[in-house]
């Protein structure tokens, strides 16, 4: 597979176009991070307000990934990804023209929708690559796309400095943020014109009903309600954070209003889930064994993404400030050092997927990597000013490798659970990654870096034990094709017919 990666033919063309699309959504999503201190100083924001904006950046990604997953399963990746890229121009321009905290909160909340773009490529890639190659393919898509976080931290400050003459000699963060949105929107048009949802001859499999995730047992329905409640709680936590005295965004009455709205939203979600799954719940419909999937597997993979991608989001957002304050570095130096964390995505996430493809057990690959996540974060929690800077960097790089390899291992399993609802399952798992980011960053805003590292380490070890005891190996993990995708005597692999 690696030999043909840059051939730009068939499935490799789709993979490359998709990871570039994901890369640009991450550049846009993280375009605030490298300018946090500059924006805070220019607009007279408190440190608590700057931290809160980082949380706002994640907030709407939680429900957006669920909604985008539904739209993806119904309309396909070509339309959905293109629409997200074009939409990204709106929050970019709102951020670039903001002059107070309230305007920034609104723009960063909307920016969270752009962060949901990751979900789209998961299904697009799974449509073009067989199960035996899905780990590496998803790892390349996710890892090289996630590299956009590094692009935001490294490239955008250069753009801002090179256009400083337009801002009277000051770093022109407004131009850099606006330009990232313009480029993403242009690429949205390019993506629409060059990508197809499936290879020739393969039908796009859609869920029979829309509005909520289809489950295959009454017990799984309870699990779905519990998972939806967890995501609603994350949004409630954000509302509480915005109501704190030092933030000055929501008053107590506003917080309660948001909570009431979230309660109504949860009831509506539950009602839609009941409508979609009523026949299964009351026993009128029984899925055949080949059509069933265990929702428990979705729950465990969601927890895996909390401690892998959720911790990565938190680390990317807090490491510049952590290095700056712990080692008394200037902001630019701290930011460049912290960029080593997302930089690891170039090979760490693909390696997690590749190991999952080659190790022979996706379950135990997941378990072992998450153990590495936990141990590396527990080691990082002891970093302080007495450490040498190179050693501190080494420890965080090790933590980055395991967290990002864990992301690759997670999404080597997700597309294998149930093909026609891959978008919605990816959306649920992805949303819990953002749930982890919100929880971890909220904890960081109330404590310090050492406490955050310790909390993430313990959470990862708990997750690893759940993987070891309860995660199951997906059926057909290393097959040449997905079940149900054989047409006549041919199997679609490279975008052309290959005799089976």
Protein backbone atom coordinates (compact mmCIF):
# COMPACT_ATOMS: atom_id res chain seq x y z
CA UNK A 1 0.00 0.00 0.00
CA UNK A 2 2.75 2.49 0.93
CA UNK A 3 4.40 2.05 -2.47
CA UNK A 4 1.30 3.31 -4.25
CA UNK A 5 0.34 5.99 -1.74
CA UNK A 6 1.31 8.95 -3.92
CA UNK A 7 0.04 7.52 -7.20
CA UNK A 8 -3.08 9.75 -7.10
CA UNK A 9 -5.08 7.01 -8.77
CA UNK A 10 -8.20 5.22 -7.55
CA UNK A 11 -8.44 4.84 -3.80
CA UNK A 12 -5.09 6.59 -3.19
CA UNK A 13 -6.34 9.76 -4.87
CA UNK A 14 -9.40 9.74 -2.60
CA UNK A 15 -7.23 9.14 0.49
CA UNK A 16 -4.88 12.01 -0.38
CA UNK A 17 -7.66 14.45 -1.17
CA UNK A 18 -9.44 13.50 2.06
CA UNK A 19 -6.48 13.90 4.39
CA UNK A 20 -5.73 17.31 2.85
CA UNK A 21 -9.35 18.30 3.49
CA UNK A 22 -9.04 17.13 7.09
CA UNK A 23 -5.69 18.94 7.41
CA UNK A 24 -7.30 22.23 6.40
CA UNK A 25 -10.21 21.81 8.83
CA UNK A 26 -7.67 21.37 11.63
CA UNK A 27 -5.64 24.40 10.54
CA UNK A 28 -8.86 26.40 10.74
CA UNK A 29 -10.05 24.77 13.96
CA UNK A 30 -6.78 25.50 15.78
CA UNK A 31 -6.07 28.90 14.22
CA UNK A 32 -6.70 30.64 17.55
CA UNK A 33 -4.16 28.62 19.58
CA UNK A 34 -0.88 30.23 18.34
CA UNK A 35 -2.29 33.73 18.85
CA UNK A 36 -3.94 33.25 22.25
CA UNK A 37 -1.51 35.49 24.12
CA UNK A 38 -1.47 38.16 21.38
CA UNK A 39 -5.25 38.28 21.13
CA UNK A 40 -5.61 38.31 24.91
CA UNK A 41 -3.25 41.29 25.21
CA UNK A 42 -4.78 43.22 22.30
CA UNK A 43 -8.39 42.75 23.46
CA UNK A 44 -7.62 42.98 27.20
CA UNK A 45 -8.78 39.45 28.01
CA UNK A 46 -8.04 37.76 31.33
CA UNK A 47 -6.07 34.47 31.38
CA UNK A 48 -9.30 32.70 32.41
CA UNK A 49 -11.10 34.10 29.36
CA UNK A 50 -8.32 32.90 27.04
CA UNK A 51 -8.55 29.40 28.53
CA UNK A 52 -12.33 29.47 28.18
CA UNK A 53 -12.05 30.30 24.47
CA UNK A 54 -10.03 27.10 24.04
CA UNK A 55 -12.93 25.18 25.60
CA UNK A 56 -15.48 27.00 23.41
CA UNK A 57 -13.46 25.89 20.40
CA UNK A 58 -14.34 22.29 21.29
CA UNK A 59 -17.91 22.69 22.54
CA UNK A 60 -20.15 22.54 19.48
CA UNK A 61 -17.95 19.89 17.93
CA UNK A 62 -19.61 17.50 20.38
CA UNK A 63 -23.16 17.70 18.97
CA UNK A 64 -21.86 18.62 15.49
CA UNK A 65 -20.04 15.31 15.10
CA UNK A 66 -23.28 13.45 15.83
CA UNK A 67 -25.25 15.55 13.34
CA UNK A 68 -22.51 15.42 10.71
CA UNK A 69 -22.40 11.63 11.11
CA UNK A 70 -26.11 11.44 10.30
CA UNK A 71 -25.77 13.74 7.29
CA UNK A 72 -22.75 11.76 6.11
CA UNK A 73 -24.58 8.42 6.21
CA UNK A 74 -27.48 9.95 4.31
CA UNK A 75 -25.82 12.24 1.74
CA UNK A 76 -22.29 10.88 1.41
CA UNK A 77 -18.85 12.28 2.10
CA UNK A 78 -18.42 14.32 -1.07
CA UNK A 79 -21.25 16.74 -0.28
CA UNK A 80 -20.74 16.76 3.50
CA UNK A 81 -16.99 17.44 3.54
CA UNK A 82 -17.25 20.13 0.87
CA UNK A 83 -20.00 21.92 2.80
CA UNK A 84 -17.95 21.94 6.03
CA UNK A 85 -14.89 23.35 4.28
CA UNK A 86 -16.88 26.15 2.64
CA UNK A 87 -18.71 26.91 5.91
CA UNK A 88 -15.36 27.33 7.72
CA UNK A 89 -14.93 30.74 6.09
CA UNK A 90 -17.74 32.17 8.27
CA UNK A 91 -16.23 31.56 11.75
CA UNK A 92 -12.78 32.49 10.44
CA UNK A 93 -14.00 35.91 9.34
CA UNK A 94 -15.94 36.35 12.59
CA UNK A 95 -12.77 35.63 14.61
CA UNK A 96 -10.64 37.87 12.40
CA UNK A 97 -13.00 40.82 12.88
CA UNK A 98 -13.75 40.27 16.60
CA UNK A 99 -13.12 43.12 19.05
CA UNK A 100 -14.33 41.70 22.36
CA UNK A 101 -14.70 38.48 24.33
CA UNK A 102 -18.35 37.92 23.41
CA UNK A 103 -17.64 38.06 19.69
CA UNK A 104 -14.75 35.62 20.12
CA UNK A 105 -16.93 33.18 22.07
CA UNK A 106 -19.54 33.15 19.29
CA UNK A 107 -16.95 32.70 16.56
CA UNK A 108 -15.13 29.90 18.40
CA UNK A 109 -18.39 28.09 19.19
CA UNK A 110 -19.19 28.10 15.47
CA UNK A 111 -15.63 26.99 14.75
CA UNK A 112 -16.38 23.80 16.65
CA UNK A 113 -18.61 22.73 13.74
CA UNK A 114 -15.54 22.75 11.48
CA UNK A 115 -13.83 20.39 13.91
CA UNK A 116 -16.46 17.78 13.08
CA UNK A 117 -15.04 17.36 9.57
CA UNK A 118 -12.85 14.49 10.76
CA UNK A 119 -15.87 12.17 10.89
CA UNK A 120 -16.52 12.51 7.17
CA UNK A 121 -13.21 11.13 5.97
CA UNK A 122 -13.50 8.07 8.20
CA UNK A 123 -16.38 6.76 6.13
CA UNK A 124 -14.98 8.02 2.81
CA UNK A 125 -11.73 6.11 3.40
CA UNK A 126 -13.56 2.99 4.64
CA UNK A 127 -15.57 2.94 1.39
CA UNK A 128 -12.40 2.75 -0.70
CA UNK A 129 -10.11 0.50 1.38
CA UNK A 130 -10.71 -3.13 2.42
CA UNK A 131 -10.69 -4.22 6.11
CA UNK A 132 -7.16 -5.67 5.94
CA UNK A 133 -5.79 -2.21 5.02
CA UNK A 134 -8.19 -0.06 7.01
CA UNK A 135 -5.84 0.56 9.96
CA UNK A 136 -3.03 2.11 7.94
CA UNK A 137 -5.41 3.95 5.60
CA UNK A 138 -7.33 5.50 8.50
CA UNK A 139 -4.06 6.19 10.31
CA UNK A 140 -2.70 8.13 7.34
CA UNK A 141 -5.98 10.01 6.94
CA UNK A 142 -6.22 10.83 10.64
CA UNK A 143 -2.53 11.40 11.31
CA UNK A 144 -1.71 13.55 8.32
CA UNK A 145 -4.97 15.43 8.76
CA UNK A 146 -4.30 15.99 12.45
CA UNK A 147 -0.99 17.48 11.35
CA UNK A 148 -3.11 20.54 10.64
CA UNK A 149 -2.85 21.36 14.34
CA UNK A 150 0.91 21.72 13.79
CA UNK A 151 0.25 23.71 10.63
CA UNK A 152 -1.80 26.16 12.65
CA UNK A 153 0.87 26.52 15.34
CA UNK A 154 3.83 26.78 12.98
CA UNK A 155 2.62 28.23 9.68
CA UNK A 156 0.03 30.78 10.82
CA UNK A 157 2.46 32.76 13.05
CA UNK A 158 4.79 33.03 10.05
CA UNK A 159 1.92 34.36 7.94
CA UNK A 160 1.04 36.83 10.70
CA UNK A 161 4.61 38.11 10.97
CA UNK A 162 5.07 38.36 7.20
CA UNK A 163 1.97 40.56 6.95
CA UNK A 164 2.85 42.71 9.98
CA UNK A 165 3.34 45.74 7.74
CA UNK A 166 -0.45 45.76 7.27
CA UNK A 167 -0.97 46.13 11.02
CA UNK A 168 1.51 48.88 11.81
CA UNK A 169 4.36 46.48 12.55
CA UNK A 170 2.43 44.22 14.93
CA UNK A 171 1.87 40.51 14.31
CA UNK A 172 -1.17 40.42 12.02
CA UNK A 173 -3.16 37.55 13.49
CA UNK A 174 -6.37 38.78 11.86
CA UNK A 175 -5.02 38.29 8.32
CA UNK A 176 -3.62 34.85 9.18
CA UNK A 177 -6.93 33.58 10.61
CA UNK A 178 -9.03 35.01 7.77
CA UNK A 179 -6.69 33.58 5.12
CA UNK A 180 -6.95 30.07 6.60
CA UNK A 181 -10.73 30.21 6.06
CA UNK A 182 -10.43 31.46 2.49
CA UNK A 183 -8.07 28.61 1.56
CA UNK A 184 -10.31 26.01 3.20
CA UNK A 185 -13.38 27.28 1.33
CA UNK A 186 -11.59 27.15 -2.02
CA UNK A 187 -10.47 23.60 -1.31
CA UNK A 188 -14.08 22.66 -0.52
CA UNK A 189 -14.93 23.31 -4.16
CA UNK A 190 -11.89 21.31 -5.32
CA UNK A 191 -12.89 18.36 -3.11
CA UNK A 192 -16.44 18.34 -4.46
CA UNK A 193 -15.22 18.19 -8.05
CA UNK A 194 -12.66 15.41 -7.54
CA UNK A 195 -14.04 12.84 -5.04
CA UNK A 196 -16.67 10.13 -5.35
CA UNK A 197 -18.38 8.51 -2.37
CA UNK A 198 -17.62 4.92 -3.45
CA UNK A 199 -15.57 3.07 -6.06
CA UNK A 200 -17.29 2.33 -9.39
CA UNK A 201 -19.79 -0.50 -9.03
CA UNK A 202 -20.17 -0.25 -5.24
CA UNK A 203 -23.44 1.13 -3.85
CA UNK A 204 -23.36 3.60 -0.96
CA UNK A 205 -25.03 1.78 1.95
CA UNK A 206 -27.39 4.05 3.87
CA UNK A 207 -29.23 3.40 7.14
CA UNK A 208 -32.90 2.49 6.72
CA UNK A 209 -33.96 5.31 9.05
CA UNK A 210 -32.49 8.69 9.90
CA UNK A 211 -32.71 10.93 12.95
CA UNK A 212 -30.77 8.78 15.42
CA UNK A 213 -28.35 5.86 15.50
CA UNK A 214 -29.92 2.48 14.81
CA UNK A 215 -29.21 -0.11 17.51
CA UNK A 216 -29.88 -3.83 17.29
CA UNK A 217 -31.16 -4.63 20.80
CA UNK A 218 -33.19 -3.04 23.61
CA UNK A 219 -30.13 -3.20 25.88
CA UNK A 220 -28.12 -1.22 23.34
CA UNK A 221 -30.84 1.43 23.32
CA UNK A 222 -30.22 2.07 27.03
CA UNK A 223 -26.52 2.41 26.27
CA UNK A 224 -27.29 4.94 23.52
CA UNK A 225 -29.35 7.05 25.93
CA UNK A 226 -26.55 6.99 28.52
CA UNK A 227 -23.93 8.03 25.96
CA UNK A 228 -26.10 10.89 24.72
CA UNK A 229 -26.53 12.03 28.32
CA UNK A 230 -22.76 12.14 28.77
CA UNK A 231 -22.37 14.46 25.80
CA UNK A 232 -25.13 16.74 27.09
CA UNK A 233 -23.33 16.89 30.45
CA UNK A 234 -20.16 18.06 28.71
CA UNK A 235 -22.08 20.99 27.23
CA UNK A 236 -23.58 21.71 30.65
CA UNK A 237 -20.07 21.79 32.07
CA UNK A 238 -19.09 24.37 29.48
CA UNK A 239 -22.11 26.53 30.42
CA UNK A 240 -21.04 26.34 34.08
CA UNK A 241 -17.54 27.40 33.12
CA UNK A 242 -18.84 30.38 31.15
CA UNK A 243 -20.84 31.48 34.22
CA UNK A 244 -17.81 31.74 36.50
CA UNK A 245 -17.17 35.26 37.90
CA UNK A 246 -13.79 35.69 36.19
CA UNK A 247 -15.20 34.83 32.76
CA UNK A 248 -17.98 37.45 32.52
CA UNK A 249 -19.97 35.78 29.75
CA UNK A 250 -23.04 34.09 31.30
CA UNK A 251 -24.78 35.09 34.52
CA UNK A 252 -26.37 32.46 36.76
CA UNK A 253 -29.73 32.92 35.07
CA UNK A 254 -28.13 32.42 31.67
CA UNK A 255 -26.45 29.24 32.85
CA UNK A 256 -29.76 27.81 34.07
CA UNK A 257 -31.38 28.77 30.77
CA UNK A 258 -28.71 26.83 28.88
CA UNK A 259 -29.19 23.85 31.18
CA UNK A 260 -32.95 23.87 30.54
CA UNK A 261 -32.30 24.03 26.79
CA UNK A 262 -29.87 21.09 27.05
CA UNK A 263 -32.45 19.09 29.02
CA UNK A 264 -35.04 19.72 26.31
CA UNK A 265 -32.47 18.80 23.66
CA UNK A 266 -31.73 15.52 25.45
CA UNK A 267 -35.44 14.67 25.65
CA UNK A 268 -35.80 15.38 21.94
CA UNK A 269 -32.75 13.22 21.16
CA UNK A 270 -34.23 10.41 23.24
CA UNK A 271 -37.57 10.71 21.46
CA UNK A 272 -35.92 10.53 18.02
CA UNK A 273 -33.89 7.52 19.16
CA UNK A 274 -37.13 5.88 20.32
CA UNK A 275 -38.78 6.56 16.94
CA UNK A 276 -35.90 5.02 15.01
CA UNK A 277 -35.54 1.97 17.29
CA UNK A 278 -39.10 1.42 18.58
CA UNK A 279 -39.63 -1.90 16.81
CA UNK A 280 -36.47 -3.33 18.34
CA UNK A 281 -37.26 -2.01 21.82
CA UNK A 282 -40.79 -3.49 21.95
CA UNK A 283 -39.69 -6.77 20.38
CA UNK A 284 -41.45 -6.38 17.02
CA UNK A 285 -38.19 -6.64 15.13
CA UNK A 286 -35.29 -9.00 15.76
CA UNK A 287 -32.05 -8.53 13.84
CA UNK A 288 -30.36 -11.60 12.41
CA UNK A 289 -26.93 -12.43 13.90
CA UNK A 290 -25.16 -11.07 10.81
CA UNK A 291 -26.90 -7.69 11.19
CA UNK A 292 -26.31 -7.21 14.92
CA UNK A 293 -23.60 -5.21 16.62
CA UNK A 294 -22.90 -4.65 20.30
CA UNK A 295 -23.30 -1.03 21.32
CA UNK A 296 -20.94 -1.77 24.21
CA UNK A 297 -18.14 -1.82 21.65
CA UNK A 298 -19.06 1.71 20.58
CA UNK A 299 -18.99 2.79 24.24
CA UNK A 300 -15.55 1.32 24.87
CA UNK A 301 -14.11 2.84 21.70
CA UNK A 302 -15.61 6.19 22.73
CA UNK A 303 -13.75 5.95 26.05
CA UNK A 304 -10.59 5.08 24.12
CA UNK A 305 -11.02 8.26 22.11
CA UNK A 306 -11.56 10.27 25.30
CA UNK A 307 -8.14 9.26 26.62
CA UNK A 308 -6.35 9.42 23.24
CA UNK A 309 -7.76 12.21 21.10
CA UNK A 310 -9.35 14.02 24.06
CA UNK A 311 -6.00 14.14 25.82
CA UNK A 312 -4.31 15.21 22.58
CA UNK A 313 -6.71 18.15 22.25
CA UNK A 314 -5.99 19.18 25.82
CA UNK A 315 -2.22 18.81 25.40
CA UNK A 316 -2.11 20.77 22.12
CA UNK A 317 -4.07 23.59 23.77
CA UNK A 318 -2.14 23.76 27.05
CA UNK A 319 1.46 22.82 26.19
CA UNK A 320 2.54 26.25 24.88
CA UNK A 321 1.48 27.89 28.15
CA UNK A 322 2.83 24.95 30.17
CA UNK A 323 6.32 25.26 28.67
CA UNK A 324 6.22 29.04 28.85
CA UNK A 325 5.45 29.13 32.58
CA UNK A 326 7.35 26.02 33.72
CA UNK A 327 10.66 26.87 32.02
CA UNK A 328 10.34 30.69 31.79
CA UNK A 329 10.46 30.68 27.99
CA UNK A 330 9.27 33.42 25.68
CA UNK A 331 5.96 32.75 23.96
CA UNK A 332 7.35 32.06 20.47
CA UNK A 333 9.94 29.56 21.75
CA UNK A 334 7.36 27.74 23.89
CA UNK A 335 4.96 27.61 20.96
CA UNK A 336 7.58 26.13 18.61
CA UNK A 337 8.57 23.48 21.18
CA UNK A 338 4.94 22.58 21.84
CA UNK A 339 4.43 22.09 18.10
CA UNK A 340 6.44 18.86 18.47
CA UNK A 341 3.31 17.27 19.95
CA UNK A 342 1.02 17.61 16.90
CA UNK A 343 4.05 17.11 14.62
CA UNK A 344 4.17 13.51 15.83
CA UNK A 345 0.87 12.85 14.04
CA UNK A 346 2.75 12.44 10.75
CA UNK A 347 3.87 8.96 11.72
CA UNK A 348 2.45 8.06 15.15
CA UNK A 349 -1.19 7.77 14.14
CA UNK A 350 -0.42 5.83 10.92
CA UNK A 351 1.87 3.55 12.93
CA UNK A 352 -0.98 2.78 15.35
CA UNK A 353 -3.16 1.77 12.41
CA UNK A 354 -0.34 -0.22 10.79
CA UNK A 355 0.38 -2.11 14.01
CA UNK A 356 -3.33 -2.90 14.26
CA UNK A 357 -3.26 -4.27 10.68
CA UNK A 358 -0.14 -6.37 11.22
CA UNK A 359 -0.34 -7.46 14.88
CA UNK A 360 -3.21 -9.84 14.20
CA UNK A 361 -5.49 -8.56 16.96
CA UNK A 362 -7.06 -5.12 16.88
CA UNK A 363 -8.33 -5.58 20.43
CA UNK A 364 -4.92 -6.21 22.00
CA UNK A 365 -3.27 -3.52 19.90
CA UNK A 366 -5.79 -1.08 21.37
CA UNK A 367 -5.24 -2.33 24.92
CA UNK A 368 -1.43 -2.18 24.84
CA UNK A 369 -1.29 1.26 23.26
CA UNK A 370 -3.72 2.74 25.81
CA UNK A 371 -1.55 1.34 28.62
CA UNK A 372 1.31 3.30 27.05
CA UNK A 373 -0.87 6.42 27.05
CA UNK A 374 -1.54 6.08 30.77
CA UNK A 375 2.05 5.41 31.83
CA UNK A 376 3.51 8.22 29.71
CA UNK A 377 1.07 10.80 31.12
CA UNK A 378 1.79 9.68 34.67
CA UNK A 379 5.48 10.24 33.94
CA UNK A 380 4.74 13.67 32.44
CA UNK A 381 2.90 14.81 35.57
CA UNK A 382 6.23 14.95 37.43
CA UNK A 383 7.74 17.52 35.01
CA UNK A 384 8.78 20.71 36.81
CA UNK A 385 11.32 23.53 36.48
CA UNK A 386 14.11 21.35 37.92
CA UNK A 387 13.93 19.08 34.87
CA UNK A 388 16.15 19.72 31.87
CA UNK A 389 14.12 21.07 28.97
CA UNK A 390 15.21 18.30 26.52
CA UNK A 391 14.07 15.60 28.96
CA UNK A 392 10.69 17.29 29.40
CA UNK A 393 10.28 17.48 25.64
CA UNK A 394 11.20 13.80 25.30
CA UNK A 395 8.56 12.73 27.83
CA UNK A 396 5.80 14.75 26.15
CA UNK A 397 6.85 13.38 22.75
CA UNK A 398 6.50 9.82 24.10
CA UNK A 399 3.06 10.70 25.46
CA UNK A 400 2.19 12.19 22.07
CA UNK A 401 3.21 9.00 20.28
CA UNK A 402 1.01 6.73 22.38
CA UNK A 403 -2.00 9.08 22.38
CA UNK A 404 -1.90 9.51 18.62
CA UNK A 405 -1.13 5.85 17.89
CA UNK A 406 -4.17 5.10 20.07
CA UNK A 407 -6.28 7.30 17.81
CA UNK A 408 -5.12 5.28 14.80
CA UNK A 409 -5.85 2.00 16.58
CA UNK A 410 -9.33 3.22 17.58
CA UNK A 411 -10.34 4.06 14.04
CA UNK A 412 -8.95 0.82 12.67
CA UNK A 413 -11.89 -0.76 14.56
CA UNK A 414 -14.69 1.82 14.20
CA UNK A 415 -15.43 1.25 10.46
CA UNK A 416 -15.68 -2.51 11.06
CA UNK A 417 -18.61 -2.39 13.50
CA UNK A 418 -21.55 -1.77 11.09
CA UNK A 419 -20.85 -0.31 7.66
CA UNK A 420 -24.09 1.53 6.88
CA UNK A 421 -23.96 3.55 10.12
CA UNK A 422 -20.20 4.12 10.11
CA UNK A 423 -20.73 7.88 9.95
CA UNK A 424 -22.91 7.93 13.06
CA UNK A 425 -20.67 5.56 15.00
CA UNK A 426 -17.65 7.66 14.00
CA UNK A 427 -19.59 10.73 15.08
CA UNK A 428 -20.34 9.26 18.51
CA UNK A 429 -16.76 8.12 19.06
CA UNK A 430 -15.39 11.41 17.73
CA UNK A 431 -17.77 13.43 19.89
CA UNK A 432 -16.44 11.67 22.97
CA UNK A 433 -12.95 12.69 21.93
CA UNK A 434 -14.15 16.27 22.17
CA UNK A 435 -15.97 15.42 25.40
CA UNK A 436 -12.56 14.41 26.76
CA UNK A 437 -11.03 17.64 25.50
CA UNK A 438 -13.70 19.74 27.24
CA UNK A 439 -13.39 17.84 30.52
CA UNK A 440 -9.59 17.85 30.49
CA UNK A 441 -9.32 21.53 29.57
CA UNK A 442 -11.89 22.47 32.19
CA UNK A 443 -9.82 20.61 34.77
CA UNK A 444 -6.69 22.40 33.54
CA UNK A 445 -8.41 25.80 33.80
CA UNK A 446 -9.11 25.02 37.48
CA UNK A 447 -5.78 23.37 38.42
CA UNK A 448 -2.41 23.03 36.69
CA UNK A 449 -0.51 20.97 34.15
CA UNK A 450 0.73 18.33 36.59
CA UNK A 451 -2.80 17.59 37.82
CA UNK A 452 -4.05 17.36 34.25
CA UNK A 453 -1.34 14.88 33.24
CA UNK A 454 -2.05 12.74 36.32
CA UNK A 455 -5.81 12.70 35.65
CA UNK A 456 -5.34 11.76 31.99
CA UNK A 457 -2.91 9.00 32.94
CA UNK A 458 -5.26 7.37 35.44
CA UNK A 459 -8.20 7.63 33.03
CA UNK A 460 -6.16 5.90 30.31
CA UNK A 461 -5.20 2.98 32.57
CA UNK A 462 -8.86 2.47 33.52
CA UNK A 463 -9.74 2.50 29.82
CA UNK A 464 -7.02 -0.06 29.06
CA UNK A 465 -8.49 -2.47 31.63
CA UNK A 466 -11.93 -2.14 29.99
CA UNK A 467 -10.40 -2.89 26.59
CA UNK A 468 -8.65 -5.97 27.93
CA UNK A 469 -11.77 -7.41 29.56
CA UNK A 470 -14.67 -6.26 27.36
CA UNK A 471 -13.54 -5.10 23.90
CA UNK A 472 -14.19 -7.71 21.19
CA UNK A 473 -12.32 -8.40 18.00
CA UNK A 474 -14.54 -7.25 15.07
CA UNK A 475 -15.72 -9.86 12.60
CA UNK A 476 -13.76 -9.77 9.37
CA UNK A 477 -11.00 -7.59 10.83
CA UNK A 478 -8.48 -8.68 8.21
CA UNK A 479 -10.73 -9.66 5.30
CA UNK A 480 -10.21 -8.69 1.67
CA UNK A 481 -13.58 -6.98 1.47
CA UNK A 482 -16.53 -5.86 3.58
CA UNK A 483 -19.40 -8.24 4.02
CA UNK A 484 -22.10 -7.52 1.46
CA UNK A 485 -19.87 -5.66 -0.98
CA UNK A 486 -19.36 -8.46 -3.49
CA UNK A 487 -21.07 -7.76 -6.79
CA UNK A 488 -21.50 -10.89 -8.90
CA UNK A 489 -18.10 -12.56 -9.00
CA UNK A 490 -16.10 -9.41 -8.46
CA UNK A 491 -14.73 -7.62 -5.45
CA UNK A 492 -14.15 -3.87 -5.66
CA UNK A 493 -10.70 -2.98 -4.41
CA UNK A 494 -8.75 -0.42 -6.40
CA UNK A 495 -11.64 1.29 -8.13
CA UNK A 496 -11.62 -1.41 -10.81
CA UNK A 497 -12.97 -4.97 -10.79
CA UNK A 498 -10.68 -7.66 -9.47
CA UNK A 499 -11.74 -11.29 -9.75
CA UNK A 500 -12.46 -12.86 -6.37
